[in-house]
C-alpha atoms as a PDB file:
ATOM      1  CA  MET A   1     -80.612 136.624   9.405  1.00  0.00           C
ATOM      2  CA  ASP A   2     -77.697 136.215   7.597  1.00  0.00           C
ATOM      3  CA  THR A   3     -77.693 135.565   3.897  1.00  0.00           C
ATOM      4  CA  LYS A   4     -74.773 133.358   2.905  1.00  0.00           C
ATOM      5  CA  SER A   5     -74.179 133.470  -1.090  1.00  0.00           C
ATOM      6  CA  THR A   6     -70.364 132.633  -0.725  1.00  0.00           C
ATOM      7  CA  THR A   7     -67.644 131.162   1.776  1.00  0.00           C
ATOM      8  CA  ILE A   8     -65.710 133.816   3.617  1.00  0.00           C
ATOM      9  CA  ALA A   9     -62.320 133.304   5.582  1.00  0.00           C
ATOM     10  CA  VAL A  10     -60.681 135.728   7.123  1.00  0.00           C
ATOM     11  CA  ILE A  11     -56.609 135.363   7.637  1.00  0.00           C
ATOM     12  CA  THR A  12     -54.419 137.283   9.916  1.00  0.00           C
ATOM     13  CA  GLY A  13     -51.278 138.531   8.495  1.00  0.00           C
ATOM     14  CA  ALA A  14     -52.357 138.121   4.833  1.00  0.00           C
ATOM     15  CA  ASN A  15     -50.287 140.894   3.071  1.00  0.00           C
ATOM     16  CA  ARG A  16     -47.072 138.667   2.684  1.00  0.00           C
ATOM     17  CA  GLY A  17     -45.626 135.299   2.700  1.00  0.00           C
ATOM     18  CA  LEU A  18     -47.465 132.679   3.892  1.00  0.00           C
ATOM     19  CA  GLY A  19     -50.889 134.376   4.492  1.00  0.00           C
ATOM     20  CA  ARG A  20     -50.858 135.903   1.246  1.00  0.00           C
ATOM     21  CA  SER A  21     -50.369 132.447  -0.445  1.00  0.00           C
ATOM     22  CA  MET A  22     -53.411 131.014   1.659  1.00  0.00           C
ATOM     23  CA  ALA A  23     -55.183 133.877   0.743  1.00  0.00           C
ATOM     24  CA  LEU A  24     -54.710 133.539  -3.251  1.00  0.00           C
ATOM     25  CA  HIS A  25     -54.991 129.797  -3.158  1.00  0.00           C
ATOM     26  CA  LEU A  26     -58.289 130.163  -1.248  1.00  0.00           C
ATOM     27  CA  ALA A  27     -59.597 132.450  -3.534  1.00  0.00           C
ATOM     28  CA  ALA A  28     -58.677 130.372  -6.550  1.00  0.00           C
ATOM     29  CA  GLN A  29     -61.156 127.628  -5.163  1.00  0.00           C
ATOM     30  CA  GLY A  30     -64.126 130.429  -4.889  1.00  0.00           C
ATOM     31  CA  VAL A  31     -63.233 131.652  -1.059  1.00  0.00           C
ATOM     32  CA  ASP A  32     -63.765 135.595  -0.816  1.00  0.00           C
ATOM     33  CA  VAL A  33     -61.234 136.714   2.071  1.00  0.00           C
ATOM     34  CA  ILE A  34     -60.787 139.557   4.541  1.00  0.00           C
ATOM     35  CA  GLY A  35     -57.270 139.857   5.605  1.00  0.00           C
ATOM     36  CA  THR A  36     -55.070 141.587   8.085  1.00  0.00           C
ATOM     37  CA  TYR A  37     -51.833 143.397   7.831  1.00  0.00           C
ATOM     38  CA  ARG A  38     -49.904 145.116  10.395  1.00  0.00           C
ATOM     39  CA  THR A  39     -47.745 147.706   8.588  1.00  0.00           C
ATOM     40  CA  HIS A  40     -47.105 147.630   4.809  1.00  0.00           C
ATOM     41  CA  ARG A  41     -50.630 148.574   3.441  1.00  0.00           C
ATOM     42  CA  ASP A  42     -49.699 148.734  -0.098  1.00  0.00           C
ATOM     43  CA  GLU A  43     -48.728 145.056   0.010  1.00  0.00           C
ATOM     44  CA  ALA A  44     -52.152 144.353   1.358  1.00  0.00           C
ATOM     45  CA  MET A  45     -54.035 146.353  -1.431  1.00  0.00           C
ATOM     46  CA  ASN A  46     -51.831 144.206  -3.653  1.00  0.00           C
ATOM     47  CA  VAL A  47     -53.189 140.820  -2.401  1.00  0.00           C
ATOM     48  CA  VAL A  48     -56.760 142.393  -2.473  1.00  0.00           C
ATOM     49  CA  ARG A  49     -56.185 143.444  -5.844  1.00  0.00           C
ATOM     50  CA  GLU A  50     -54.790 139.898  -7.078  1.00  0.00           C
ATOM     51  CA  ILE A  51     -57.767 138.009  -5.249  1.00  0.00           C
ATOM     52  CA  GLU A  52     -60.316 140.369  -7.305  1.00  0.00           C
ATOM     53  CA  GLU A  53     -58.268 139.275 -10.560  1.00  0.00           C
ATOM     54  CA  ARG A  54     -59.456 135.804  -9.759  1.00  0.00           C
ATOM     55  CA  GLY A  55     -62.934 136.950  -9.526  1.00  0.00           C
ATOM     56  CA  ARG A  56     -63.527 137.050  -5.713  1.00  0.00           C
ATOM     57  CA  LYS A  57     -64.080 140.053  -2.963  1.00  0.00           C
ATOM     58  CA  ALA A  58     -61.433 140.773  -0.741  1.00  0.00           C
ATOM     59  CA  ALA A  59     -60.708 143.160   1.717  1.00  0.00           C
ATOM     60  CA  MET A  60     -57.847 144.115   4.207  1.00  0.00           C
ATOM     61  CA  LEU A  61     -58.106 145.346   7.742  1.00  0.00           C
ATOM     62  CA  GLU A  62     -55.337 146.665  10.146  1.00  0.00           C
ATOM     63  CA  LEU A  63     -54.513 144.723  13.008  1.00  0.00           C
ATOM     64  CA  ASP A  64     -51.508 144.746  15.259  1.00  0.00           C
ATOM     65  CA  VAL A  65     -52.116 140.998  17.105  1.00  0.00           C
ATOM     66  CA  SER A  66     -49.836 141.881  19.984  1.00  0.00           C
ATOM     67  CA  LYS A  67     -52.325 144.380  21.100  1.00  0.00           C
ATOM     68  CA  SER A  68     -55.015 142.054  22.397  1.00  0.00           C
ATOM     69  CA  ALA A  69     -57.033 145.023  23.990  1.00  0.00           C
ATOM     70  CA  SER A  70     -57.420 146.108  20.157  1.00  0.00           C
ATOM     71  CA  PHE A  71     -59.350 142.783  19.414  1.00  0.00           C
ATOM     72  CA  GLU A  72     -62.983 144.627  20.220  1.00  0.00           C
ATOM     73  CA  ALA A  73     -62.347 147.436  18.135  1.00  0.00           C
ATOM     74  CA  PHE A  74     -61.194 145.039  15.305  1.00  0.00           C
ATOM     75  CA  ALA A  75     -64.174 142.810  15.659  1.00  0.00           C
ATOM     76  CA  GLU A  76     -66.144 145.892  15.502  1.00  0.00           C
ATOM     77  CA  ALA A  77     -64.821 147.003  11.829  1.00  0.00           C
ATOM     78  CA  LEU A  78     -64.670 143.255  10.540  1.00  0.00           C
ATOM     79  CA  ALA A  79     -68.739 143.149  11.354  1.00  0.00           C
ATOM     80  CA  LYS A  80     -69.111 146.391   9.648  1.00  0.00           C
ATOM     81  CA  THR A  81     -67.094 145.239   6.784  1.00  0.00           C
ATOM     82  CA  LEU A  82     -68.749 141.929   6.800  1.00  0.00           C
ATOM     83  CA  GLY A  83     -72.199 143.879   6.301  1.00  0.00           C
ATOM     84  CA  SER A  84     -71.204 146.824   3.799  1.00  0.00           C
ATOM     85  CA  GLU A  85     -68.875 144.747   1.331  1.00  0.00           C
ATOM     86  CA  PHE A  86     -70.210 141.036   1.846  1.00  0.00           C
ATOM     87  CA  GLY A  87     -73.705 141.147   2.830  1.00  0.00           C
ATOM     88  CA  ARG A  88     -73.125 138.816   5.832  1.00  0.00           C
ATOM     89  CA  THR A  89     -73.138 138.826   9.064  1.00  0.00           C
ATOM     90  CA  GLN A  90     -70.804 135.846   9.917  1.00  0.00           C
ATOM     91  CA  PHE A  91     -67.724 134.638   8.122  1.00  0.00           C
ATOM     92  CA  ASP A  92     -66.824 130.874   7.703  1.00  0.00           C
ATOM     93  CA  MET A  93     -63.137 130.371   8.105  1.00  0.00           C
ATOM     94  CA  LEU A  94     -60.939 131.620  10.550  1.00  0.00           C
ATOM     95  CA  ILE A  95     -56.827 131.527   9.856  1.00  0.00           C
ATOM     96  CA  ASN A  96     -54.568 132.401  12.798  1.00  0.00           C
ATOM     97  CA  ASN A  97     -51.479 133.386  10.767  1.00  0.00           C
ATOM     98  CA  ALA A  98     -49.897 136.152  11.658  1.00  0.00           C
ATOM     99  CA  GLY A  99     -46.707 136.172  13.566  1.00  0.00           C
ATOM    100  CA  ASN A 100     -43.003 136.848  13.987  1.00  0.00           C
ATOM    101  CA  ALA A 101     -39.608 135.118  14.647  1.00  0.00           C
ATOM    102  CA  LEU A 102     -37.371 135.072  17.364  1.00  0.00           C
ATOM    103  CA  TYR A 103     -33.838 133.748  17.425  1.00  0.00           C
ATOM    104  CA  ALA A 104     -32.446 133.811  20.628  1.00  0.00           C
ATOM    105  CA  SER A 105     -30.723 131.235  23.373  1.00  0.00           C
ATOM    106  CA  ILE A 106     -32.380 130.490  26.609  1.00  0.00           C
ATOM    107  CA  ALA A 107     -29.686 132.036  28.150  1.00  0.00           C
ATOM    108  CA  GLU A 108     -29.905 135.365  26.014  1.00  0.00           C
ATOM    109  CA  THR A 109     -33.461 135.566  25.770  1.00  0.00           C
ATOM    110  CA  ALA A 110     -34.887 138.898  27.641  1.00  0.00           C
ATOM    111  CA  GLU A 111     -38.056 138.916  29.148  1.00  0.00           C
ATOM    112  CA  ALA A 112     -39.474 141.443  26.810  1.00  0.00           C
ATOM    113  CA  GLN A 113     -38.618 139.522  23.999  1.00  0.00           C
ATOM    114  CA  PHE A 114     -40.469 136.336  25.642  1.00  0.00           C
ATOM    115  CA  ASP A 115     -43.340 138.420  26.855  1.00  0.00           C
ATOM    116  CA  GLU A 116     -43.432 139.503  22.588  1.00  0.00           C
ATOM    117  CA  VAL A 117     -43.433 136.088  21.222  1.00  0.00           C
ATOM    118  CA  VAL A 118     -46.062 134.604  23.408  1.00  0.00           C
ATOM    119  CA  ALA A 119     -48.536 137.814  23.097  1.00  0.00           C
ATOM    120  CA  ILE A 120     -48.044 137.377  19.201  1.00  0.00           C
ATOM    121  CA  HIS A 121     -48.351 133.636  19.125  1.00  0.00           C
ATOM    122  CA  PHE A 122     -50.285 132.293  21.665  1.00  0.00           C
ATOM    123  CA  LYS A 123     -52.186 135.058  23.766  1.00  0.00           C
ATOM    124  CA  ALA A 124     -53.350 136.338  20.112  1.00  0.00           C
ATOM    125  CA  PRO A 125     -54.706 133.269  18.602  1.00  0.00           C
ATOM    126  CA  PHE A 126     -56.502 132.569  21.640  1.00  0.00           C
ATOM    127  CA  PHE A 127     -58.122 135.772  22.676  1.00  0.00           C
ATOM    128  CA  LEU A 128     -58.696 136.541  18.792  1.00  0.00           C
ATOM    129  CA  THR A 129     -60.407 133.647  18.707  1.00  0.00           C
ATOM    130  CA  GLN A 130     -62.609 133.926  21.609  1.00  0.00           C
ATOM    131  CA  ARG A 131     -63.639 137.217  20.457  1.00  0.00           C
ATOM    132  CA  LEU A 132     -64.776 136.121  17.123  1.00  0.00           C
ATOM    133  CA  LEU A 133     -66.652 132.718  17.772  1.00  0.00           C
ATOM    134  CA  PRO A 134     -69.688 134.507  17.795  1.00  0.00           C
ATOM    135  CA  MET A 135     -69.125 135.560  14.018  1.00  0.00           C
ATOM    136  CA  ILE A 136     -68.091 132.217  12.670  1.00  0.00           C
ATOM    137  CA  ALA A 137     -70.768 130.260  10.959  1.00  0.00           C
ATOM    138  CA  ASP A 138     -71.899 126.966  12.507  1.00  0.00           C
ATOM    139  CA  GLY A 139     -70.379 124.064  10.279  1.00  0.00           C
ATOM    140  CA  GLY A 140     -67.122 126.519   9.781  1.00  0.00           C
ATOM    141  CA  ARG A 141     -63.499 126.118   9.967  1.00  0.00           C
ATOM    142  CA  ILE A 142     -60.901 127.488  12.355  1.00  0.00           C
ATOM    143  CA  LEU A 143     -56.984 126.745  11.412  1.00  0.00           C
ATOM    144  CA  ASN A 144     -54.130 127.925  13.870  1.00  0.00           C
ATOM    145  CA  VAL A 145     -50.575 127.739  12.638  1.00  0.00           C
ATOM    146  CA  SER A 146     -48.030 126.329  14.561  1.00  0.00           C
ATOM    147  CA  SER A 147     -44.468 125.591  13.233  1.00  0.00           C
ATOM    148  CA  GLY A 148     -42.433 122.534  12.639  1.00  0.00           C
ATOM    149  CA  LEU A 149     -40.481 123.836  16.099  1.00  0.00           C
ATOM    150  CA  ALA A 150     -42.605 122.668  18.216  1.00  0.00           C
ATOM    151  CA  ARG A 151     -41.360 119.134  17.192  1.00  0.00           C
ATOM    152  CA  MET A 152     -37.795 119.810  15.786  1.00  0.00           C
ATOM    153  CA  THR A 153     -35.349 121.121  18.439  1.00  0.00           C
ATOM    154  CA  TYR A 154     -32.865 123.719  16.918  1.00  0.00           C
ATOM    155  CA  PRO A 155     -30.791 125.744  19.473  1.00  0.00           C
ATOM    156  CA  GLY A 156     -32.181 129.371  19.621  1.00  0.00           C
ATOM    157  CA  SER A 157     -35.923 128.527  19.204  1.00  0.00           C
ATOM    158  CA  ALA A 158     -36.835 127.798  22.624  1.00  0.00           C
ATOM    159  CA  ALA A 159     -39.467 130.469  23.306  1.00  0.00           C
ATOM    160  CA  TYR A 160     -41.000 130.499  19.852  1.00  0.00           C
ATOM    161  CA  GLY A 161     -40.788 127.032  19.747  1.00  0.00           C
ATOM    162  CA  ALA A 162     -42.874 126.755  23.272  1.00  0.00           C
ATOM    163  CA  THR A 163     -45.089 128.995  22.359  1.00  0.00           C
ATOM    164  CA  LYS A 164     -45.993 126.859  19.136  1.00  0.00           C
ATOM    165  CA  ALA A 165     -46.789 124.018  21.243  1.00  0.00           C
ATOM    166  CA  ALA A 166     -49.045 125.737  23.476  1.00  0.00           C
ATOM    167  CA  ILE A 167     -50.885 126.450  20.083  1.00  0.00           C
ATOM    168  CA  GLU A 168     -51.293 122.698  19.147  1.00  0.00           C
ATOM    169  CA  VAL A 169     -52.477 122.100  22.701  1.00  0.00           C
ATOM    170  CA  PHE A 170     -55.074 124.838  22.473  1.00  0.00           C
ATOM    171  CA  THR A 171     -56.332 123.867  19.363  1.00  0.00           C
ATOM    172  CA  ARG A 172     -57.325 120.129  20.534  1.00  0.00           C
ATOM    173  CA  TYR A 173     -58.956 121.961  23.175  1.00  0.00           C
ATOM    174  CA  LEU A 174     -60.701 124.337  20.713  1.00  0.00           C
ATOM    175  CA  ALA A 175     -61.881 121.262  18.606  1.00  0.00           C
ATOM    176  CA  LYS A 176     -63.549 119.932  21.448  1.00  0.00           C
ATOM    177  CA  GLU A 177     -65.698 122.921  22.254  1.00  0.00           C
ATOM    178  CA  VAL A 178     -66.485 124.280  18.938  1.00  0.00           C
ATOM    179  CA  GLY A 179     -67.531 120.604  17.795  1.00  0.00           C
ATOM    180  CA  PRO A 180     -71.319 120.740  18.905  1.00  0.00           C
ATOM    181  CA  ARG A 181     -71.196 123.764  16.331  1.00  0.00           C
ATOM    182  CA  GLY A 182     -69.965 121.393  13.862  1.00  0.00           C
ATOM    183  CA  ILE A 183     -66.708 123.959  13.381  1.00  0.00           C
ATOM    184  CA  THR A 184     -63.245 121.927  12.885  1.00  0.00           C
ATOM    185  CA  ALA A 185     -60.144 123.165  14.394  1.00  0.00           C
ATOM    186  CA  ASN A 186     -56.964 122.134  12.819  1.00  0.00           C
ATOM    187  CA  VAL A 187     -53.204 123.190  13.428  1.00  0.00           C
ATOM    188  CA  ILE A 188     -50.822 122.993  10.635  1.00  0.00           C
ATOM    189  CA  ALA A 189     -47.216 123.383  11.111  1.00  0.00           C
ATOM    190  CA  PRO A 190     -44.812 124.544   8.307  1.00  0.00           C
ATOM    191  CA  GLY A 191     -41.333 123.320   8.238  1.00  0.00           C
ATOM    192  CA  ALA A 192     -38.659 125.470   7.058  1.00  0.00           C
ATOM    193  CA  ILE A 193     -39.816 127.842   4.430  1.00  0.00           C
ATOM    194  CA  ALA A 194     -37.824 130.023   1.711  1.00  0.00           C
ATOM    195  CA  THR A 195     -39.762 133.820   2.355  1.00  0.00           C
ATOM    196  CA  ASP A 196     -38.741 136.808   4.266  1.00  0.00           C
ATOM    197  CA  PHE A 197     -39.853 135.373   7.590  1.00  0.00           C
ATOM    198  CA  GLY A 198     -37.096 136.326  10.093  1.00  0.00           C
ATOM    199  CA  GLY A 199     -35.270 138.244   7.664  1.00  0.00           C
ATOM    200  CA  GLY A 200     -35.242 135.664   5.056  1.00  0.00           C
ATOM    201  CA  ARG A 201     -33.326 133.522   7.549  1.00  0.00           C
ATOM    202  CA  VAL A 202     -33.990 130.043   5.706  1.00  0.00           C
ATOM    203  CA  ARG A 203     -34.176 131.696   2.095  1.00  0.00           C
ATOM    204  CA  ASP A 204     -31.080 134.117   2.146  1.00  0.00           C
ATOM    205  CA  ASN A 205     -28.684 132.034   4.560  1.00  0.00           C
ATOM    206  CA  GLU A 206     -26.791 129.248   2.152  1.00  0.00           C
ATOM    207  CA  ALA A 207     -25.396 127.490   5.044  1.00  0.00           C
ATOM    208  CA  ILE A 208     -28.983 126.887   6.572  1.00  0.00           C
ATOM    209  CA  GLY A 209     -30.463 126.209   3.400  1.00  0.00           C
ATOM    210  CA  LYS A 210     -28.079 123.275   2.808  1.00  0.00           C
ATOM    211  CA  MET A 211     -28.834 122.044   6.440  1.00  0.00           C
ATOM    212  CA  VAL A 212     -32.751 122.070   5.875  1.00  0.00           C
ATOM    213  CA  VAL A 213     -32.220 120.275   2.522  1.00  0.00           C
ATOM    214  CA  GLY A 214     -29.785 117.788   3.796  1.00  0.00           C
ATOM    215  CA  ASN A 215     -32.559 116.910   6.121  1.00  0.00           C
ATOM    216  CA  THR A 216     -35.528 116.886   4.403  1.00  0.00           C
ATOM    217  CA  ALA A 217     -37.120 113.966   2.726  1.00  0.00           C
ATOM    218  CA  LEU A 218     -37.753 115.587  -0.663  1.00  0.00           C
ATOM    219  CA  GLY A 219     -34.595 117.277  -1.098  1.00  0.00           C
ATOM    220  CA  ARG A 220     -36.016 120.831  -1.050  1.00  0.00           C
ATOM    221  CA  LEU A 221     -36.819 123.848   0.750  1.00  0.00           C
ATOM    222  CA  GLY A 222     -40.278 124.927   1.351  1.00  0.00           C
ATOM    223  CA  GLN A 223     -42.067 127.406  -0.471  1.00  0.00           C
ATOM    224  CA  ALA A 224     -44.901 129.545   0.284  1.00  0.00           C
ATOM    225  CA  ASP A 225     -47.292 128.084  -1.940  1.00  0.00           C
ATOM    226  CA  ASP A 226     -46.285 124.304  -0.559  1.00  0.00           C
ATOM    227  CA  ILE A 227     -48.286 125.843   2.507  1.00  0.00           C
ATOM    228  CA  GLY A 228     -50.717 127.683   0.813  1.00  0.00           C
ATOM    229  CA  LEU A 229     -51.963 124.751  -1.160  1.00  0.00           C
ATOM    230  CA  ALA A 230     -51.837 122.327   1.920  1.00  0.00           C
ATOM    231  CA  VAL A 231     -54.355 125.036   3.790  1.00  0.00           C
ATOM    232  CA  ALA A 232     -56.397 125.286   0.882  1.00  0.00           C
ATOM    233  CA  ALA A 233     -56.985 121.630   0.411  1.00  0.00           C
ATOM    234  CA  LEU A 234     -57.215 121.274   4.284  1.00  0.00           C
ATOM    235  CA  MET A 235     -59.977 124.228   4.240  1.00  0.00           C
ATOM    236  CA  SER A 236     -61.737 122.334   1.318  1.00  0.00           C
ATOM    237  CA  GLU A 237     -64.792 120.291   1.380  1.00  0.00           C
ATOM    238  CA  GLY A 238     -62.251 117.308   1.689  1.00  0.00           C
ATOM    239  CA  GLY A 239     -61.263 118.184   4.983  1.00  0.00           C
ATOM    240  CA  ARG A 240     -64.947 118.778   6.828  1.00  0.00           C
ATOM    241  CA  TRP A 241     -64.018 115.308   8.832  1.00  0.00           C
ATOM    242  CA  ILE A 242     -60.588 116.426  10.072  1.00  0.00           C
ATOM    243  CA  THR A 243     -60.545 118.240  13.539  1.00  0.00           C
ATOM    244  CA  GLY A 244     -58.440 118.314  16.397  1.00  0.00           C
ATOM    245  CA  GLN A 245     -55.343 117.601  14.303  1.00  0.00           C
ATOM    246  CA  ARG A 246     -51.795 118.692  14.037  1.00  0.00           C
ATOM    247  CA  ILE A 247     -50.821 118.474  10.453  1.00  0.00           C
ATOM    248  CA  GLU A 248     -47.112 118.887   9.594  1.00  0.00           C
ATOM    249  CA  VAL A 249     -46.442 120.585   6.214  1.00  0.00           C
ATOM    250  CA  SER A 250     -42.489 120.375   6.032  1.00  0.00           C
ATOM    251  CA  GLY A 251     -41.389 118.127   2.850  1.00  0.00           C
ATOM    252  CA  GLY A 252     -40.340 115.234   5.603  1.00  0.00           C
ATOM    253  CA  GLN A 253     -37.832 117.820   7.689  1.00  0.00           C
ATOM    254  CA  SER A 254     -35.804 115.932  10.347  1.00  0.00           C
ATOM    255  CA  LEU A 255     -37.978 112.860  10.341  1.00  0.00           C
END
């Protein structure tokens, strides 16, 4: 039997950017974290140290979400980590955050690029969630990460935006199917955020930054902590009656 002494969140892509911020803000409100990383193990271990400095337990596991064939081995590694380091057989929160960027017009998008963005942003959350559902405790939380680009339309983001729209529909179906177990399922849609995502496109390109600020009600670029704080709030006790919802965190971009 699972001996639950604390809340545990599994966050994909937790070594940097939005995932790192989510992990740190959840840790600050008493949540233990098991994160994943694809590369940059040093960054992942730094996040572990930061979480431990906040008095919580943390672990990092390697995972390439573009390779769905690896999910069975990942689930086995996760089960071992839960048992050996946390004394649990289940966890409480799954955040499907890992992703990459694709900037290409419809005319220029290669089939290989399309397949990769679908594999990472739609196939991975679908089948990783499917595999981990038995390991999520009843009454738990699932959060998928979409994008403002599922609502806003900017040329060059057709494939990426379409996969994020698919995740939003998937989340509604997921909420229906896991509801009988008391599990909530929501999707958060960040607006333009000043991180290294997409090579730092929003953070480092002055013209893009000015355009975004000029079209944002709160008049500034989003920061990683704007998303991390929102996720921590949604995953807290205050979010227990919210499910099947798309929550945009964009500062009022392109209203």
